[in-house]
Amino acid sequence: FFKEGGGNFTIDNFYVSDIDLGVMVTDGDAPAGVRIEAGDLAITNIQFADIAETFSATNYEGANQSFYTEGIATGAGNGANSPDWAAGWTIGLENSETISENLAGEVTGDVSLSASIEYLLTSSFIVKEGGSLTIPAGTVI
């Protein structure tokens, strides 16, 4: 979404998927049009993937239609896939192998945590009399 305002923008090596409109310029936004015509927005090597049947790269209708160029995004990722270098230690990516569990409540028996699981302390976690909690080295809480 590009609209009026200050600054110049250069965007390179950008991957976008599952969209129906690539670069939106606000309808009737004369200042945005002036900025595009002046070269204040440059998008190079943008890759549109898995696009809708009604896809349009931009809704901008001005003379400068070369403010963006399509290509194959390379860079840190693998297209739509998460980058290989992020596997196993990042959270929230489909190739993350990090498992997380919430810790909360009271411990009355023997509980052992695992260094292969990331624990989230969501409230108090109390070891009561007679209970034990074993936390191995390298465990992340």
C-alpha atoms as a PDB file:
ATOM      1  CA  PHE A   1       0.000   0.000   0.000  1.00  0.00           C
ATOM      2  CA  PHE A   2       1.662   3.217  -1.152  1.00  0.00           C
ATOM      3  CA  LYS A   3       0.198   6.622  -0.355  1.00  0.00           C
ATOM      4  CA  GLU A   4       1.188  10.243   0.139  1.00  0.00           C
ATOM      5  CA  GLY A   5       3.903  11.111   2.606  1.00  0.00           C
ATOM      6  CA  GLY A   6       7.609  11.698   2.747  1.00  0.00           C
ATOM      7  CA  GLY A   7      10.558   9.543   1.957  1.00  0.00           C
ATOM      8  CA  ASN A   8      11.893   7.509  -0.897  1.00  0.00           C
ATOM      9  CA  PHE A   9      11.466   3.744  -0.919  1.00  0.00           C
ATOM     10  CA  THR A  10      13.670   1.181  -2.618  1.00  0.00           C
ATOM     11  CA  ILE A  11      12.536  -2.410  -2.134  1.00  0.00           C
ATOM     12  CA  ASP A  12      14.569  -5.259  -3.606  1.00  0.00           C
ATOM     13  CA  ASN A  13      14.188  -9.022  -3.573  1.00  0.00           C
ATOM     14  CA  PHE A  14      10.625  -9.290  -2.276  1.00  0.00           C
ATOM     15  CA  TYR A  15       8.456 -12.430  -2.301  1.00  0.00           C
ATOM     16  CA  VAL A  16       4.651 -12.182  -2.124  1.00  0.00           C
ATOM     17  CA  SER A  17       2.075 -14.960  -2.434  1.00  0.00           C
ATOM     18  CA  ASP A  18      -1.673 -15.553  -2.222  1.00  0.00           C
ATOM     19  CA  ILE A  19      -2.687 -12.031  -3.212  1.00  0.00           C
ATOM     20  CA  ASP A  20      -4.960 -10.405  -5.749  1.00  0.00           C
ATOM     21  CA  LEU A  21      -3.243  -6.983  -5.871  1.00  0.00           C
ATOM     22  CA  GLY A  22       0.518  -6.467  -5.673  1.00  0.00           C
ATOM     23  CA  VAL A  23       1.114  -2.743  -5.059  1.00  0.00           C
ATOM     24  CA  MET A  24      -1.901  -0.687  -4.068  1.00  0.00           C
ATOM     25  CA  VAL A  25      -1.925   3.057  -4.567  1.00  0.00           C
ATOM     26  CA  THR A  26      -4.837   4.865  -2.937  1.00  0.00           C
ATOM     27  CA  ASP A  27      -7.481   5.870  -5.488  1.00  0.00           C
ATOM     28  CA  GLY A  28      -7.289   9.568  -6.254  1.00  0.00           C
ATOM     29  CA  ASP A  29      -4.086  10.054  -4.253  1.00  0.00           C
ATOM     30  CA  ALA A  30      -2.397  12.710  -6.395  1.00  0.00           C
ATOM     31  CA  PRO A  31       0.644  13.116  -4.075  1.00  0.00           C
ATOM     32  CA  ALA A  32       1.392   9.377  -4.282  1.00  0.00           C
ATOM     33  CA  GLY A  33       1.175   9.525  -8.071  1.00  0.00           C
ATOM     34  CA  VAL A  34       3.563  12.476  -8.181  1.00  0.00           C
ATOM     35  CA  ARG A  35       6.023  10.564  -5.988  1.00  0.00           C
ATOM     36  CA  ILE A  36       5.851   7.446  -8.183  1.00  0.00           C
ATOM     37  CA  GLU A  37       6.388   9.538 -11.311  1.00  0.00           C
ATOM     38  CA  ALA A  38       9.399  11.191  -9.618  1.00  0.00           C
ATOM     39  CA  GLY A  39      10.954   7.783  -8.887  1.00  0.00           C
ATOM     40  CA  ASP A  40      10.402   7.905  -5.119  1.00  0.00           C
ATOM     41  CA  LEU A  41       9.213   4.280  -5.167  1.00  0.00           C
ATOM     42  CA  ALA A  42      11.367   1.600  -6.772  1.00  0.00           C
ATOM     43  CA  ILE A  43      10.603  -2.100  -6.371  1.00  0.00           C
ATOM     44  CA  THR A  44      13.016  -4.502  -8.031  1.00  0.00           C
ATOM     45  CA  ASN A  45      13.008  -8.271  -8.226  1.00  0.00           C
ATOM     46  CA  ILE A  46       9.517  -8.728  -6.792  1.00  0.00           C
ATOM     47  CA  GLN A  47       8.101 -12.230  -7.150  1.00  0.00           C
ATOM     48  CA  PHE A  48       4.344 -12.778  -7.179  1.00  0.00           C
ATOM     49  CA  ALA A  49       3.441 -16.424  -6.473  1.00  0.00           C
ATOM     50  CA  ASP A  50       0.192 -18.361  -6.068  1.00  0.00           C
ATOM     51  CA  ILE A  51      -1.738 -15.348  -7.261  1.00  0.00           C
ATOM     52  CA  ALA A  52      -5.502 -15.035  -7.547  1.00  0.00           C
ATOM     53  CA  GLU A  53      -7.174 -15.462 -10.923  1.00  0.00           C
ATOM     54  CA  THR A  54      -8.044 -11.750 -10.853  1.00  0.00           C
ATOM     55  CA  PHE A  55      -4.476 -10.712  -9.895  1.00  0.00           C
ATOM     56  CA  SER A  56      -3.099  -7.324 -10.880  1.00  0.00           C
ATOM     57  CA  ALA A  57       0.489  -6.279 -10.102  1.00  0.00           C
ATOM     58  CA  THR A  58      -0.661  -2.743  -9.285  1.00  0.00           C
ATOM     59  CA  ASN A  59      -3.704  -0.541  -9.476  1.00  0.00           C
ATOM     60  CA  TYR A  60      -1.535   2.473 -10.349  1.00  0.00           C
ATOM     61  CA  GLU A  61      -2.510   3.870 -13.757  1.00  0.00           C
ATOM     62  CA  GLY A  62       0.101   6.610 -14.184  1.00  0.00           C
ATOM     63  CA  ALA A  63       2.761   6.808 -16.884  1.00  0.00           C
ATOM     64  CA  ASN A  64       5.583   5.299 -14.784  1.00  0.00           C
ATOM     65  CA  GLN A  65       4.677   1.615 -14.897  1.00  0.00           C
ATOM     66  CA  SER A  66       8.343   0.675 -14.527  1.00  0.00           C
ATOM     67  CA  PHE A  67       8.481   1.565 -10.820  1.00  0.00           C
ATOM     68  CA  TYR A  68       8.441  -2.196 -10.188  1.00  0.00           C
ATOM     69  CA  THR A  69      10.158  -5.080 -11.956  1.00  0.00           C
ATOM     70  CA  GLU A  70       9.291  -8.726 -11.474  1.00  0.00           C
ATOM     71  CA  GLY A  71      11.930 -11.381 -10.914  1.00  0.00           C
ATOM     72  CA  ILE A  72      12.758 -14.421  -8.817  1.00  0.00           C
ATOM     73  CA  ALA A  73      13.313 -13.480  -5.182  1.00  0.00           C
ATOM     74  CA  THR A  74      16.447 -15.055  -3.753  1.00  0.00           C
ATOM     75  CA  GLY A  75      17.978 -13.620  -0.592  1.00  0.00           C
ATOM     76  CA  ALA A  76      17.575 -15.154   2.854  1.00  0.00           C
ATOM     77  CA  GLY A  77      14.539 -17.307   2.142  1.00  0.00           C
ATOM     78  CA  ASN A  78      13.608 -20.116  -0.182  1.00  0.00           C
ATOM     79  CA  GLY A  79      10.696 -18.505  -1.965  1.00  0.00           C
ATOM     80  CA  ALA A  80       7.586 -19.493  -0.044  1.00  0.00           C
ATOM     81  CA  ASN A  81       9.544 -21.801   2.249  1.00  0.00           C
ATOM     82  CA  SER A  82      11.234 -20.627   5.403  1.00  0.00           C
ATOM     83  CA  PRO A  83      14.979 -20.142   5.063  1.00  0.00           C
ATOM     84  CA  ASP A  84      17.074 -23.217   5.850  1.00  0.00           C
ATOM     85  CA  TRP A  85      19.301 -21.221   8.193  1.00  0.00           C
ATOM     86  CA  ALA A  86      16.289 -20.572  10.466  1.00  0.00           C
ATOM     87  CA  ALA A  87      15.440 -24.248  11.023  1.00  0.00           C
ATOM     88  CA  GLY A  88      15.550 -25.604  14.539  1.00  0.00           C
ATOM     89  CA  TRP A  89      16.122 -22.438  16.535  1.00  0.00           C
ATOM     90  CA  THR A  90      13.461 -19.967  15.456  1.00  0.00           C
ATOM     91  CA  ILE A  91       9.852 -19.860  16.593  1.00  0.00           C
ATOM     92  CA  GLY A  92       6.790 -19.549  14.407  1.00  0.00           C
ATOM     93  CA  LEU A  93       8.172 -20.818  11.109  1.00  0.00           C
ATOM     94  CA  GLU A  94       6.934 -24.036   9.557  1.00  0.00           C
ATOM     95  CA  ASN A  95      10.452 -25.458   9.604  1.00  0.00           C
ATOM     96  CA  SER A  96      10.970 -24.660  13.271  1.00  0.00           C
ATOM     97  CA  GLU A  97      11.497 -27.751  15.302  1.00  0.00           C
ATOM     98  CA  THR A  98      11.204 -25.857  18.563  1.00  0.00           C
ATOM     99  CA  ILE A  99       8.486 -27.299  20.769  1.00  0.00           C
ATOM    100  CA  SER A 100       7.044 -25.150  23.539  1.00  0.00           C
ATOM    101  CA  GLU A 101       4.970 -25.897  26.617  1.00  0.00           C
ATOM    102  CA  ASN A 102       3.386 -23.664  29.228  1.00  0.00           C
ATOM    103  CA  LEU A 103       4.452 -23.899  32.869  1.00  0.00           C
ATOM    104  CA  ALA A 104       1.896 -22.901  35.494  1.00  0.00           C
ATOM    105  CA  GLY A 105       0.353 -24.220  38.684  1.00  0.00           C
ATOM    106  CA  GLU A 106       1.744 -26.399  41.457  1.00  0.00           C
ATOM    107  CA  VAL A 107       4.097 -29.375  41.500  1.00  0.00           C
ATOM    108  CA  THR A 108       3.403 -32.029  44.139  1.00  0.00           C
ATOM    109  CA  GLY A 109       5.186 -34.983  42.520  1.00  0.00           C
ATOM    110  CA  ASP A 110       8.396 -35.370  40.553  1.00  0.00           C
ATOM    111  CA  VAL A 111       8.573 -33.240  37.393  1.00  0.00           C
ATOM    112  CA  SER A 112      11.512 -33.243  34.983  1.00  0.00           C
ATOM    113  CA  LEU A 113      11.802 -30.664  32.232  1.00  0.00           C
ATOM    114  CA  SER A 114      13.559 -31.362  28.939  1.00  0.00           C
ATOM    115  CA  ALA A 115      16.251 -29.204  27.355  1.00  0.00           C
ATOM    116  CA  SER A 116      14.684 -29.901  23.938  1.00  0.00           C
ATOM    117  CA  ILE A 117      11.479 -28.063  24.874  1.00  0.00           C
ATOM    118  CA  GLU A 118      11.106 -24.309  25.278  1.00  0.00           C
ATOM    119  CA  TYR A 119       8.972 -23.534  28.329  1.00  0.00           C
ATOM    120  CA  LEU A 120       6.780 -20.473  28.749  1.00  0.00           C
ATOM    121  CA  LEU A 121       6.160 -19.394  32.344  1.00  0.00           C
ATOM    122  CA  THR A 122       2.559 -18.189  32.035  1.00  0.00           C
ATOM    123  CA  SER A 123       1.887 -17.676  35.772  1.00  0.00           C
ATOM    124  CA  SER A 124       3.340 -18.873  39.069  1.00  0.00           C
ATOM    125  CA  PHE A 125       4.842 -22.364  39.054  1.00  0.00           C
ATOM    126  CA  ILE A 126       5.210 -23.549  42.641  1.00  0.00           C
ATOM    127  CA  VAL A 127       6.989 -26.682  43.861  1.00  0.00           C
ATOM    128  CA  LYS A 128       5.036 -27.781  46.939  1.00  0.00           C
ATOM    129  CA  GLU A 129       6.347 -29.832  49.862  1.00  0.00           C
ATOM    130  CA  GLY A 130       7.118 -33.342  48.669  1.00  0.00           C
ATOM    131  CA  GLY A 131       7.454 -32.202  45.061  1.00  0.00           C
ATOM    132  CA  SER A 132      10.613 -31.952  42.992  1.00  0.00           C
ATOM    133  CA  LEU A 133      11.500 -30.135  39.808  1.00  0.00           C
ATOM    134  CA  THR A 134      14.490 -31.167  37.705  1.00  0.00           C
ATOM    135  CA  ILE A 135      15.739 -28.625  35.153  1.00  0.00           C
ATOM    136  CA  PRO A 136      18.610 -29.889  32.973  1.00  0.00           C
ATOM    137  CA  ALA A 137      21.345 -27.571  31.711  1.00  0.00           C
ATOM    138  CA  GLY A 138      20.396 -25.783  28.494  1.00  0.00           C
ATOM    139  CA  THR A 139      16.671 -25.634  29.269  1.00  0.00           C
ATOM    140  CA  VAL A 140      15.055 -22.381  28.120  1.00  0.00           C
ATOM    141  CA  ILE A 141      12.237 -20.959  30.247  1.00  0.00           C
END
